[in-house]
Amino acid sequence: MILPIIAYGSPVLKKMCQKIDANNKALETLINNMKETMLNAHGVGLAAPQIGEAIRLFIVDTSPFAEDDELEVSERKKLKAFKKVFINAKITEEKGDEWVFNEGCLSIPDIREDVFRKPTITIEYVDENFKKHTETYDGLIARVIQHEYDHIEGILFTDKLSSLKKRLLKKRLDNISKGKIDVDYRMKFPLLKRKK
């Protein structure tokens, strides 16, 4: 089922998310719904808070990046094949010289900004079968994981921008909260005024 994506300004997007218990009976359905929702919105990642659930779950599918002809063939293959579910994730290490990339977010449509992140991460998590993993990623895969991981920590990419850039974006962000934006996927806006 395609779920509405929670827009900027909703309190759930700023919450530190709770760990998930292995006995959560609704988890499989939730993961499937999140995959369908992300695909419908043409995203490369989706975190549980973005569909209103303050739990430590996010999914990543970097296959859309594989269409970039400027990338090496080996990198495109890696991106095309990367589809994962991360539960109760903890980034244990970020290393290397920060690099910039223009990021966007399904909860903040039509705003893209340059964000600096470390190129290499190590992450501990359990998959949908609650099997433990410790893995190291770099490049675009690491960046998407970092972006989604921030969501379960209550951090948005706009929080990483300079105070000047935030001031310049304030009106556009306020309009997103009020639903004054055209999107081609379902959203829930925290400050949308309902017509009486």
N, C-alpha and C. Protein backbone atom coordinates (compact mmCIF):
# COMPACT_ATOMS: atom_id res chain seq x y z
N MET A 1 0.84 -1.18 0.00
CA MET A 1 0.00 0.00 0.00
C MET A 1 0.89 1.25 0.00
N ILE A 2 0.54 2.20 -0.85
CA ILE A 2 1.29 3.46 -0.91
C ILE A 2 0.82 4.37 0.23
N LEU A 3 1.77 4.78 1.06
CA LEU A 3 1.46 5.61 2.23
C LEU A 3 1.77 7.08 1.92
N PRO A 4 1.09 8.01 2.60
CA PRO A 4 1.45 9.42 2.42
C PRO A 4 2.79 9.71 3.10
N ILE A 5 3.60 10.54 2.47
CA ILE A 5 4.89 10.92 3.04
C ILE A 5 4.69 12.18 3.88
N ILE A 6 5.27 12.15 5.07
CA ILE A 6 5.12 13.25 6.03
C ILE A 6 6.00 14.42 5.60
N ALA A 7 5.41 15.61 5.53
CA ALA A 7 6.11 16.81 5.05
C ALA A 7 6.89 17.50 6.16
N TYR A 8 7.85 18.27 5.71
CA TYR A 8 8.66 19.14 6.59
C TYR A 8 7.75 19.90 7.56
N GLY A 9 8.21 19.99 8.80
CA GLY A 9 7.44 20.71 9.82
C GLY A 9 6.71 19.79 10.77
N SER A 10 6.58 18.51 10.41
CA SER A 10 5.92 17.54 11.30
C SER A 10 6.87 17.17 12.44
N PRO A 11 6.37 17.14 13.67
CA PRO A 11 7.22 16.81 14.82
C PRO A 11 7.89 15.43 14.71
N VAL A 12 7.24 14.45 14.07
CA VAL A 12 7.80 13.10 13.97
C VAL A 12 9.15 13.11 13.24
N LEU A 13 9.38 14.08 12.36
CA LEU A 13 10.64 14.15 11.62
C LEU A 13 11.81 14.63 12.47
N LYS A 14 11.51 15.16 13.66
CA LYS A 14 12.56 15.67 14.54
C LYS A 14 12.76 14.78 15.77
N LYS A 15 12.10 13.62 15.79
CA LYS A 15 12.19 12.71 16.94
C LYS A 15 13.35 11.74 16.80
N MET A 16 14.00 11.46 17.94
CA MET A 16 14.96 10.36 18.00
C MET A 16 14.11 9.09 18.01
N CYS A 17 14.32 8.22 17.06
CA CYS A 17 13.45 7.05 16.90
C CYS A 17 13.78 5.91 17.86
N GLN A 18 12.76 5.10 18.13
CA GLN A 18 12.85 3.98 19.08
C GLN A 18 13.31 2.70 18.38
N LYS A 19 14.03 1.87 19.15
CA LYS A 19 14.46 0.56 18.62
C LYS A 19 13.25 -0.31 18.34
N ILE A 20 13.42 -1.22 17.40
CA ILE A 20 12.34 -2.13 17.00
C ILE A 20 12.57 -3.49 17.63
N ASP A 21 11.50 -4.04 18.17
CA ASP A 21 11.54 -5.36 18.78
C ASP A 21 11.39 -6.43 17.69
N ALA A 22 12.11 -7.52 17.84
CA ALA A 22 12.06 -8.62 16.84
C ALA A 22 10.67 -9.24 16.74
N ASN A 23 9.83 -9.05 17.76
CA ASN A 23 8.48 -9.63 17.74
C ASN A 23 7.44 -8.72 17.11
N ASN A 24 7.87 -7.64 16.49
CA ASN A 24 6.94 -6.70 15.86
C ASN A 24 6.24 -7.38 14.68
N LYS A 25 4.98 -7.71 14.87
CA LYS A 25 4.21 -8.47 13.86
C LYS A 25 3.89 -7.66 12.60
N ALA A 26 3.85 -6.35 12.73
CA ALA A 26 3.47 -5.49 11.60
C ALA A 26 4.67 -5.09 10.73
N LEU A 27 5.87 -5.53 11.11
CA LEU A 27 7.09 -5.05 10.46
C LEU A 27 7.17 -5.42 8.97
N GLU A 28 6.86 -6.66 8.63
CA GLU A 28 6.96 -7.10 7.23
C GLU A 28 6.03 -6.27 6.33
N THR A 29 4.80 -6.06 6.78
CA THR A 29 3.84 -5.25 6.02
C THR A 29 4.35 -3.81 5.89
N LEU A 30 4.86 -3.26 6.99
CA LEU A 30 5.37 -1.90 6.99
C LEU A 30 6.52 -1.74 5.99
N ILE A 31 7.46 -2.69 5.98
CA ILE A 31 8.60 -2.64 5.05
C ILE A 31 8.10 -2.69 3.61
N ASN A 32 7.17 -3.60 3.32
CA ASN A 32 6.63 -3.70 1.96
C ASN A 32 5.92 -2.41 1.54
N ASN A 33 5.16 -1.82 2.46
CA ASN A 33 4.48 -0.55 2.18
C ASN A 33 5.49 0.58 1.94
N MET A 34 6.57 0.58 2.72
CA MET A 34 7.60 1.61 2.55
C MET A 34 8.29 1.47 1.19
N LYS A 35 8.57 0.24 0.77
CA LYS A 35 9.20 0.01 -0.54
C LYS A 35 8.29 0.53 -1.65
N GLU A 36 7.01 0.21 -1.55
CA GLU A 36 6.04 0.65 -2.56
C GLU A 36 5.92 2.19 -2.58
N THR A 37 5.91 2.78 -1.40
CA THR A 37 5.81 4.24 -1.25
C THR A 37 7.03 4.93 -1.85
N MET A 38 8.23 4.40 -1.53
CA MET A 38 9.47 4.98 -2.04
C MET A 38 9.53 4.89 -3.57
N LEU A 39 9.18 3.75 -4.10
CA LEU A 39 9.18 3.54 -5.56
C LEU A 39 8.21 4.51 -6.24
N ASN A 40 7.02 4.64 -5.68
CA ASN A 40 5.99 5.53 -6.23
C ASN A 40 6.46 6.99 -6.26
N ALA A 41 7.27 7.38 -5.26
CA ALA A 41 7.74 8.76 -5.16
C ALA A 41 9.10 8.97 -5.84
N HIS A 42 9.62 7.92 -6.48
CA HIS A 42 10.91 7.97 -7.18
C HIS A 42 12.06 8.33 -6.25
N GLY A 43 12.02 7.77 -5.04
CA GLY A 43 13.09 8.02 -4.07
C GLY A 43 14.17 6.95 -4.13
N VAL A 44 15.30 7.23 -3.46
CA VAL A 44 16.38 6.25 -3.34
C VAL A 44 16.51 5.76 -1.89
N GLY A 45 15.68 6.32 -1.01
CA GLY A 45 15.67 5.91 0.38
C GLY A 45 14.41 6.44 1.04
N LEU A 46 14.01 5.77 2.12
CA LEU A 46 12.85 6.20 2.89
C LEU A 46 13.02 5.70 4.32
N ALA A 47 12.81 6.60 5.27
CA ALA A 47 12.91 6.24 6.68
C ALA A 47 11.52 6.23 7.31
N ALA A 48 11.36 5.39 8.33
CA ALA A 48 10.06 5.22 8.98
C ALA A 48 9.43 6.54 9.45
N PRO A 49 10.20 7.51 10.00
CA PRO A 49 9.56 8.76 10.41
C PRO A 49 8.88 9.49 9.24
N GLN A 50 9.35 9.25 8.03
CA GLN A 50 8.77 9.90 6.86
C GLN A 50 7.38 9.37 6.51
N ILE A 51 7.00 8.25 7.13
CA ILE A 51 5.64 7.76 6.97
C ILE A 51 4.92 7.76 8.33
N GLY A 52 5.48 8.54 9.27
CA GLY A 52 4.82 8.78 10.54
C GLY A 52 5.14 7.81 11.65
N GLU A 53 6.14 6.94 11.45
CA GLU A 53 6.50 5.94 12.47
C GLU A 53 7.86 6.30 13.06
N ALA A 54 7.92 6.61 14.36
CA ALA A 54 9.17 7.01 15.01
C ALA A 54 9.95 5.79 15.49
N ILE A 55 10.31 4.93 14.52
CA ILE A 55 11.06 3.70 14.82
C ILE A 55 12.32 3.66 13.95
N ARG A 56 13.32 2.88 14.42
CA ARG A 56 14.64 2.85 13.77
C ARG A 56 14.63 1.89 12.57
N LEU A 57 14.02 2.34 11.50
CA LEU A 57 13.90 1.55 10.27
C LEU A 57 14.06 2.48 9.08
N PHE A 58 14.91 2.07 8.13
CA PHE A 58 14.95 2.77 6.85
C PHE A 58 15.32 1.79 5.75
N ILE A 59 14.95 2.16 4.53
CA ILE A 59 15.24 1.32 3.37
C ILE A 59 16.02 2.16 2.36
N VAL A 60 16.86 1.48 1.58
CA VAL A 60 17.67 2.15 0.57
C VAL A 60 17.61 1.34 -0.72
N ASP A 61 17.46 2.05 -1.83
CA ASP A 61 17.51 1.45 -3.17
C ASP A 61 18.20 2.46 -4.08
N THR A 62 19.50 2.26 -4.33
CA THR A 62 20.27 3.24 -5.10
C THR A 62 20.21 3.00 -6.61
N SER A 63 19.37 2.07 -7.06
CA SER A 63 19.35 1.74 -8.49
C SER A 63 19.09 2.95 -9.41
N PRO A 64 18.28 3.97 -9.02
CA PRO A 64 18.12 5.12 -9.92
C PRO A 64 19.43 5.84 -10.25
N PHE A 65 20.41 5.80 -9.32
CA PHE A 65 21.70 6.44 -9.58
C PHE A 65 22.49 5.71 -10.67
N ALA A 66 22.16 4.45 -10.93
CA ALA A 66 22.88 3.65 -11.92
C ALA A 66 22.67 4.15 -13.34
N GLU A 67 21.68 5.04 -13.53
CA GLU A 67 21.40 5.60 -14.85
C GLU A 67 22.42 6.68 -15.25
N ASP A 68 23.25 7.13 -14.29
CA ASP A 68 24.20 8.22 -14.55
C ASP A 68 25.36 7.71 -15.40
N ASP A 69 25.41 8.16 -16.66
CA ASP A 69 26.44 7.72 -17.60
C ASP A 69 27.84 8.20 -17.24
N GLU A 70 27.94 9.18 -16.36
CA GLU A 70 29.26 9.70 -15.99
C GLU A 70 29.99 8.79 -14.99
N LEU A 71 29.25 7.87 -14.38
CA LEU A 71 29.87 6.94 -13.43
C LEU A 71 30.54 5.79 -14.16
N GLU A 72 31.56 5.23 -13.52
CA GLU A 72 32.22 4.05 -14.08
C GLU A 72 31.24 2.88 -14.08
N VAL A 73 31.46 1.94 -15.02
CA VAL A 73 30.56 0.79 -15.16
C VAL A 73 30.47 0.00 -13.86
N SER A 74 31.61 -0.21 -13.19
CA SER A 74 31.61 -0.99 -11.94
C SER A 74 30.77 -0.30 -10.86
N GLU A 75 30.87 1.03 -10.80
CA GLU A 75 30.09 1.80 -9.81
C GLU A 75 28.60 1.73 -10.14
N ARG A 76 28.26 1.82 -11.43
CA ARG A 76 26.85 1.73 -11.84
C ARG A 76 26.27 0.37 -11.47
N LYS A 77 27.05 -0.69 -11.66
CA LYS A 77 26.59 -2.05 -11.32
C LYS A 77 26.31 -2.16 -9.82
N LYS A 78 27.24 -1.60 -9.03
CA LYS A 78 27.09 -1.63 -7.57
C LYS A 78 25.82 -0.90 -7.14
N LEU A 79 25.60 0.29 -7.71
CA LEU A 79 24.42 1.09 -7.36
C LEU A 79 23.13 0.41 -7.80
N LYS A 80 23.15 -0.22 -8.98
CA LYS A 80 21.95 -0.88 -9.50
C LYS A 80 21.51 -2.03 -8.59
N ALA A 81 22.47 -2.72 -8.00
CA ALA A 81 22.18 -3.91 -7.19
C ALA A 81 21.88 -3.61 -5.72
N PHE A 82 22.10 -2.35 -5.28
CA PHE A 82 22.02 -2.07 -3.84
C PHE A 82 20.59 -1.76 -3.40
N LYS A 83 19.99 -2.73 -2.71
CA LYS A 83 18.65 -2.58 -2.13
C LYS A 83 18.70 -3.25 -0.76
N LYS A 84 18.52 -2.47 0.30
CA LYS A 84 18.63 -3.03 1.65
C LYS A 84 17.65 -2.41 2.63
N VAL A 85 17.35 -3.20 3.65
CA VAL A 85 16.54 -2.78 4.78
C VAL A 85 17.48 -2.68 5.99
N PHE A 86 17.42 -1.55 6.69
CA PHE A 86 18.25 -1.32 7.87
C PHE A 86 17.34 -1.15 9.09
N ILE A 87 17.52 -2.01 10.09
CA ILE A 87 16.73 -1.95 11.33
C ILE A 87 17.69 -1.75 12.50
N ASN A 88 17.31 -0.86 13.41
CA ASN A 88 18.11 -0.56 14.61
C ASN A 88 19.57 -0.25 14.26
N ALA A 89 19.76 0.53 13.22
CA ALA A 89 21.10 0.85 12.72
C ALA A 89 21.85 1.79 13.65
N LYS A 90 23.18 1.63 13.64
CA LYS A 90 24.07 2.54 14.38
C LYS A 90 25.31 2.73 13.52
N ILE A 91 25.56 3.96 13.08
CA ILE A 91 26.80 4.25 12.37
C ILE A 91 27.91 4.33 13.41
N THR A 92 28.92 3.47 13.28
CA THR A 92 29.99 3.39 14.28
C THR A 92 31.23 4.17 13.87
N GLU A 93 31.35 4.46 12.56
CA GLU A 93 32.51 5.22 12.10
C GLU A 93 32.18 5.96 10.80
N GLU A 94 32.68 7.19 10.71
CA GLU A 94 32.63 7.98 9.47
C GLU A 94 34.04 8.49 9.27
N LYS A 95 34.61 8.25 8.06
CA LYS A 95 35.99 8.69 7.87
C LYS A 95 36.23 9.22 6.46
N GLY A 96 37.37 9.92 6.32
CA GLY A 96 37.76 10.51 5.05
C GLY A 96 37.47 11.99 5.02
N ASP A 97 37.88 12.63 3.92
CA ASP A 97 37.65 14.07 3.74
C ASP A 97 36.23 14.29 3.26
N GLU A 98 35.52 15.19 3.93
CA GLU A 98 34.13 15.47 3.54
C GLU A 98 34.04 15.88 2.07
N TRP A 99 32.97 15.41 1.42
CA TRP A 99 32.73 15.80 0.02
C TRP A 99 31.29 16.27 -0.11
N VAL A 100 31.08 17.11 -1.10
CA VAL A 100 29.79 17.75 -1.26
C VAL A 100 28.96 17.03 -2.31
N PHE A 101 27.65 16.99 -2.08
CA PHE A 101 26.72 16.40 -3.03
C PHE A 101 25.39 17.12 -2.86
N ASN A 102 24.69 17.32 -3.95
CA ASN A 102 23.41 18.02 -3.93
C ASN A 102 22.31 17.04 -3.50
N GLU A 103 21.78 17.23 -2.29
CA GLU A 103 20.80 16.30 -1.72
C GLU A 103 19.39 16.88 -1.77
N GLY A 104 18.43 15.97 -1.83
CA GLY A 104 17.02 16.30 -1.72
C GLY A 104 16.37 15.32 -0.77
N CYS A 105 15.09 15.49 -0.52
CA CYS A 105 14.38 14.63 0.43
C CYS A 105 12.91 14.58 0.06
N LEU A 106 12.32 13.39 0.13
CA LEU A 106 10.90 13.24 -0.22
C LEU A 106 10.00 14.04 0.72
N SER A 107 10.45 14.30 1.95
CA SER A 107 9.67 15.10 2.90
C SER A 107 9.83 16.60 2.67
N ILE A 108 10.81 16.97 1.83
CA ILE A 108 11.09 18.38 1.55
C ILE A 108 11.16 18.54 0.03
N PRO A 109 10.02 18.36 -0.66
CA PRO A 109 10.06 18.36 -2.13
C PRO A 109 10.48 19.70 -2.72
N ASP A 110 11.12 19.62 -3.88
CA ASP A 110 11.53 20.80 -4.66
C ASP A 110 12.62 21.65 -4.02
N ILE A 111 13.27 21.13 -2.98
CA ILE A 111 14.42 21.83 -2.42
C ILE A 111 15.61 20.86 -2.46
N ARG A 112 16.66 21.32 -3.10
CA ARG A 112 17.91 20.54 -3.17
C ARG A 112 19.04 21.48 -2.76
N GLU A 113 19.94 20.98 -1.92
CA GLU A 113 21.06 21.80 -1.47
C GLU A 113 22.32 20.94 -1.33
N ASP A 114 23.47 21.61 -1.42
CA ASP A 114 24.75 20.92 -1.24
C ASP A 114 24.96 20.61 0.23
N VAL A 115 25.29 19.33 0.50
CA VAL A 115 25.53 18.87 1.87
C VAL A 115 26.90 18.18 1.89
N PHE A 116 27.69 18.47 2.93
CA PHE A 116 28.99 17.83 3.10
C PHE A 116 28.85 16.61 4.01
N ARG A 117 29.43 15.49 3.58
CA ARG A 117 29.44 14.27 4.39
C ARG A 117 30.77 13.55 4.19
N LYS A 118 31.14 12.73 5.15
CA LYS A 118 32.33 11.89 5.04
C LYS A 118 32.06 10.81 3.98
N PRO A 119 33.09 10.38 3.24
CA PRO A 119 32.86 9.44 2.14
C PRO A 119 32.70 7.97 2.55
N THR A 120 33.20 7.59 3.72
CA THR A 120 33.19 6.17 4.11
C THR A 120 32.56 6.01 5.49
N ILE A 121 31.66 5.03 5.60
CA ILE A 121 31.00 4.76 6.89
C ILE A 121 31.06 3.27 7.21
N THR A 122 31.01 2.98 8.51
CA THR A 122 30.79 1.62 8.99
C THR A 122 29.49 1.65 9.78
N ILE A 123 28.62 0.69 9.49
CA ILE A 123 27.29 0.68 10.12
C ILE A 123 26.98 -0.71 10.65
N GLU A 124 26.39 -0.75 11.83
CA GLU A 124 25.89 -2.00 12.42
C GLU A 124 24.37 -1.94 12.35
N TYR A 125 23.74 -3.04 11.97
CA TYR A 125 22.28 -3.06 11.87
C TYR A 125 21.80 -4.51 11.83
N VAL A 126 20.48 -4.68 11.92
CA VAL A 126 19.89 -6.00 11.65
C VAL A 126 19.01 -5.84 10.41
N ASP A 127 18.92 -6.93 9.65
CA ASP A 127 18.07 -6.90 8.45
C ASP A 127 16.65 -7.30 8.82
N GLU A 128 15.79 -7.48 7.81
CA GLU A 128 14.38 -7.79 8.09
C GLU A 128 14.17 -9.15 8.77
N ASN A 129 15.21 -10.00 8.76
CA ASN A 129 15.15 -11.29 9.47
C ASN A 129 15.84 -11.22 10.83
N PHE A 130 16.20 -10.01 11.23
CA PHE A 130 16.91 -9.71 12.48
C PHE A 130 18.27 -10.40 12.57
N LYS A 131 18.90 -10.56 11.40
CA LYS A 131 20.28 -11.06 11.31
C LYS A 131 21.20 -9.85 11.43
N LYS A 132 22.23 -9.95 12.30
CA LYS A 132 23.14 -8.83 12.55
C LYS A 132 24.17 -8.69 11.43
N HIS A 133 24.49 -7.42 11.10
CA HIS A 133 25.50 -7.12 10.10
C HIS A 133 26.36 -5.95 10.57
N THR A 134 27.63 -5.98 10.22
CA THR A 134 28.52 -4.83 10.35
C THR A 134 29.17 -4.68 8.99
N GLU A 135 28.91 -3.54 8.32
CA GLU A 135 29.38 -3.36 6.94
C GLU A 135 29.95 -1.96 6.75
N THR A 136 30.85 -1.86 5.78
CA THR A 136 31.46 -0.57 5.44
C THR A 136 31.06 -0.21 4.01
N TYR A 137 30.66 1.04 3.83
CA TYR A 137 30.23 1.54 2.52
C TYR A 137 30.93 2.85 2.22
N ASP A 138 31.01 3.17 0.92
CA ASP A 138 31.57 4.46 0.54
C ASP A 138 30.78 5.04 -0.63
N GLY A 139 31.15 6.27 -1.01
CA GLY A 139 30.55 6.92 -2.17
C GLY A 139 29.07 7.22 -2.00
N LEU A 140 28.33 7.08 -3.11
CA LEU A 140 26.90 7.43 -3.10
C LEU A 140 26.09 6.53 -2.17
N ILE A 141 26.46 5.26 -2.08
CA ILE A 141 25.73 4.35 -1.18
C ILE A 141 25.87 4.84 0.26
N ALA A 142 27.10 5.19 0.66
CA ALA A 142 27.32 5.70 2.02
C ALA A 142 26.50 6.97 2.26
N ARG A 143 26.45 7.83 1.25
CA ARG A 143 25.73 9.10 1.39
C ARG A 143 24.24 8.87 1.60
N VAL A 144 23.63 7.98 0.81
CA VAL A 144 22.20 7.71 0.97
C VAL A 144 21.93 7.11 2.34
N ILE A 145 22.80 6.19 2.78
CA ILE A 145 22.64 5.60 4.12
C ILE A 145 22.73 6.69 5.18
N GLN A 146 23.71 7.59 5.07
CA GLN A 146 23.86 8.67 6.05
C GLN A 146 22.61 9.56 6.09
N HIS A 147 22.08 9.88 4.93
CA HIS A 147 20.88 10.73 4.85
C HIS A 147 19.71 10.05 5.56
N GLU A 148 19.49 8.76 5.27
CA GLU A 148 18.37 8.03 5.88
C GLU A 148 18.62 7.80 7.37
N TYR A 149 19.86 7.52 7.73
CA TYR A 149 20.22 7.33 9.13
C TYR A 149 19.92 8.61 9.93
N ASP A 150 20.24 9.76 9.34
CA ASP A 150 19.92 11.03 10.00
C ASP A 150 18.43 11.11 10.35
N HIS A 151 17.57 10.61 9.46
CA HIS A 151 16.13 10.65 9.72
C HIS A 151 15.77 9.93 11.02
N ILE A 152 16.38 8.75 11.27
CA ILE A 152 16.02 8.02 12.50
C ILE A 152 16.66 8.65 13.75
N GLU A 153 17.57 9.61 13.52
CA GLU A 153 18.18 10.37 14.61
C GLU A 153 17.47 11.72 14.80
N GLY A 154 16.43 11.97 13.98
CA GLY A 154 15.68 13.22 14.09
C GLY A 154 16.36 14.40 13.40
N ILE A 155 17.21 14.10 12.40
CA ILE A 155 17.96 15.14 11.70
C ILE A 155 17.54 15.18 10.23
N LEU A 156 17.32 16.38 9.70
CA LEU A 156 17.01 16.56 8.28
C LEU A 156 18.22 17.17 7.58
N PHE A 157 18.31 16.98 6.27
CA PHE A 157 19.48 17.53 5.57
C PHE A 157 19.53 19.06 5.68
N THR A 158 18.39 19.69 5.83
CA THR A 158 18.36 21.16 5.99
C THR A 158 19.01 21.60 7.30
N ASP A 159 19.07 20.70 8.29
CA ASP A 159 19.73 21.02 9.56
C ASP A 159 21.24 21.19 9.37
N LYS A 160 21.78 20.65 8.29
CA LYS A 160 23.22 20.70 8.03
C LYS A 160 23.64 21.93 7.22
N LEU A 161 22.66 22.77 6.87
CA LEU A 161 22.96 23.96 6.07
C LEU A 161 23.36 25.13 6.96
N SER A 162 24.01 26.12 6.36
CA SER A 162 24.42 27.31 7.11
C SER A 162 23.17 28.09 7.55
N SER A 163 23.34 28.90 8.59
CA SER A 163 22.19 29.69 9.08
C SER A 163 21.69 30.65 8.01
N LEU A 164 22.59 31.17 7.18
CA LEU A 164 22.18 32.05 6.08
C LEU A 164 21.31 31.28 5.08
N LYS A 165 21.76 30.11 4.70
CA LYS A 165 21.02 29.28 3.74
C LYS A 165 19.64 28.92 4.31
N LYS A 166 19.59 28.61 5.60
CA LYS A 166 18.30 28.28 6.25
C LYS A 166 17.34 29.47 6.19
N ARG A 167 17.88 30.67 6.44
CA ARG A 167 17.03 31.88 6.38
C ARG A 167 16.49 32.09 4.97
N LEU A 168 17.34 31.85 3.97
CA LEU A 168 16.93 32.03 2.58
C LEU A 168 15.85 31.02 2.18
N LEU A 169 15.85 29.84 2.81
CA LEU A 169 14.89 28.78 2.48
C LEU A 169 13.62 28.82 3.33
N LYS A 170 13.61 29.67 4.37
CA LYS A 170 12.53 29.64 5.36
C LYS A 170 11.13 29.70 4.74
N LYS A 171 10.90 30.64 3.83
CA LYS A 171 9.56 30.79 3.24
C LYS A 171 9.17 29.54 2.44
N ARG A 172 10.10 29.00 1.67
CA ARG A 172 9.82 27.79 0.89
C ARG A 172 9.51 26.60 1.81
N LEU A 173 10.25 26.50 2.91
CA LEU A 173 10.02 25.41 3.87
C LEU A 173 8.66 25.59 4.56
N ASP A 174 8.33 26.82 4.91
CA ASP A 174 7.02 27.10 5.52
C ASP A 174 5.89 26.72 4.56
N ASN A 175 6.07 27.03 3.27
CA ASN A 175 5.06 26.68 2.27
C ASN A 175 4.88 25.17 2.14
N ILE A 176 5.97 24.42 2.26
CA ILE A 176 5.87 22.96 2.23
C ILE A 176 5.02 22.49 3.41
N SER A 177 5.28 23.02 4.60
CA SER A 177 4.51 22.64 5.80
C SER A 177 3.02 22.91 5.63
N LYS A 178 2.71 23.97 4.88
CA LYS A 178 1.31 24.37 4.68
C LYS A 178 0.66 23.69 3.48
N GLY A 179 1.44 22.87 2.76
CA GLY A 179 0.89 22.17 1.60
C GLY A 179 0.82 23.04 0.36
N LYS A 180 1.52 24.17 0.37
CA LYS A 180 1.53 25.06 -0.80
C LYS A 180 2.63 24.65 -1.76
N ILE A 181 2.46 23.46 -2.31
CA ILE A 181 3.46 22.89 -3.21
C ILE A 181 2.79 21.81 -4.06
N ASP A 182 3.26 21.64 -5.28
CA ASP A 182 2.74 20.58 -6.15
C ASP A 182 3.69 19.39 -6.10
N VAL A 183 3.16 18.25 -5.73
CA VAL A 183 3.95 17.01 -5.73
C VAL A 183 3.15 15.93 -6.43
N ASP A 184 3.86 14.95 -7.01
CA ASP A 184 3.16 13.89 -7.72
C ASP A 184 3.07 12.60 -6.90
N TYR A 185 3.17 12.73 -5.57
CA TYR A 185 2.95 11.60 -4.66
C TYR A 185 2.18 12.10 -3.45
N ARG A 186 1.55 11.15 -2.74
CA ARG A 186 0.73 11.51 -1.57
C ARG A 186 1.59 12.05 -0.44
N MET A 187 1.13 13.15 0.19
CA MET A 187 1.83 13.72 1.33
C MET A 187 0.84 14.14 2.41
N LYS A 188 1.36 14.24 3.64
CA LYS A 188 0.60 14.80 4.77
C LYS A 188 1.34 16.04 5.21
N PHE A 189 0.63 17.17 5.24
CA PHE A 189 1.24 18.46 5.58
C PHE A 189 0.80 18.89 6.97
N PRO A 190 1.74 19.21 7.87
CA PRO A 190 1.37 19.51 9.25
C PRO A 190 0.56 20.78 9.43
N LEU A 191 0.73 21.78 8.55
CA LEU A 191 0.05 23.06 8.73
C LEU A 191 -0.98 23.36 7.65
N LEU A 192 -1.40 22.31 6.95
CA LEU A 192 -2.40 22.49 5.87
C LEU A 192 -3.73 22.91 6.49
N LYS A 193 -4.24 24.03 6.01
CA LYS A 193 -5.54 24.51 6.48
C LYS A 193 -6.64 23.82 5.68
N ARG A 194 -7.50 23.12 6.37
CA ARG A 194 -8.61 22.43 5.72
C ARG A 194 -9.71 23.42 5.38
N LYS A 195 -10.29 23.30 4.19
CA LYS A 195 -11.41 24.18 3.81
C LYS A 195 -12.65 23.71 4.54
N LYS A 196 -13.41 24.69 5.08
CA LYS A 196 -14.62 24.36 5.87
C LYS A 196 -15.83 24.30 4.98
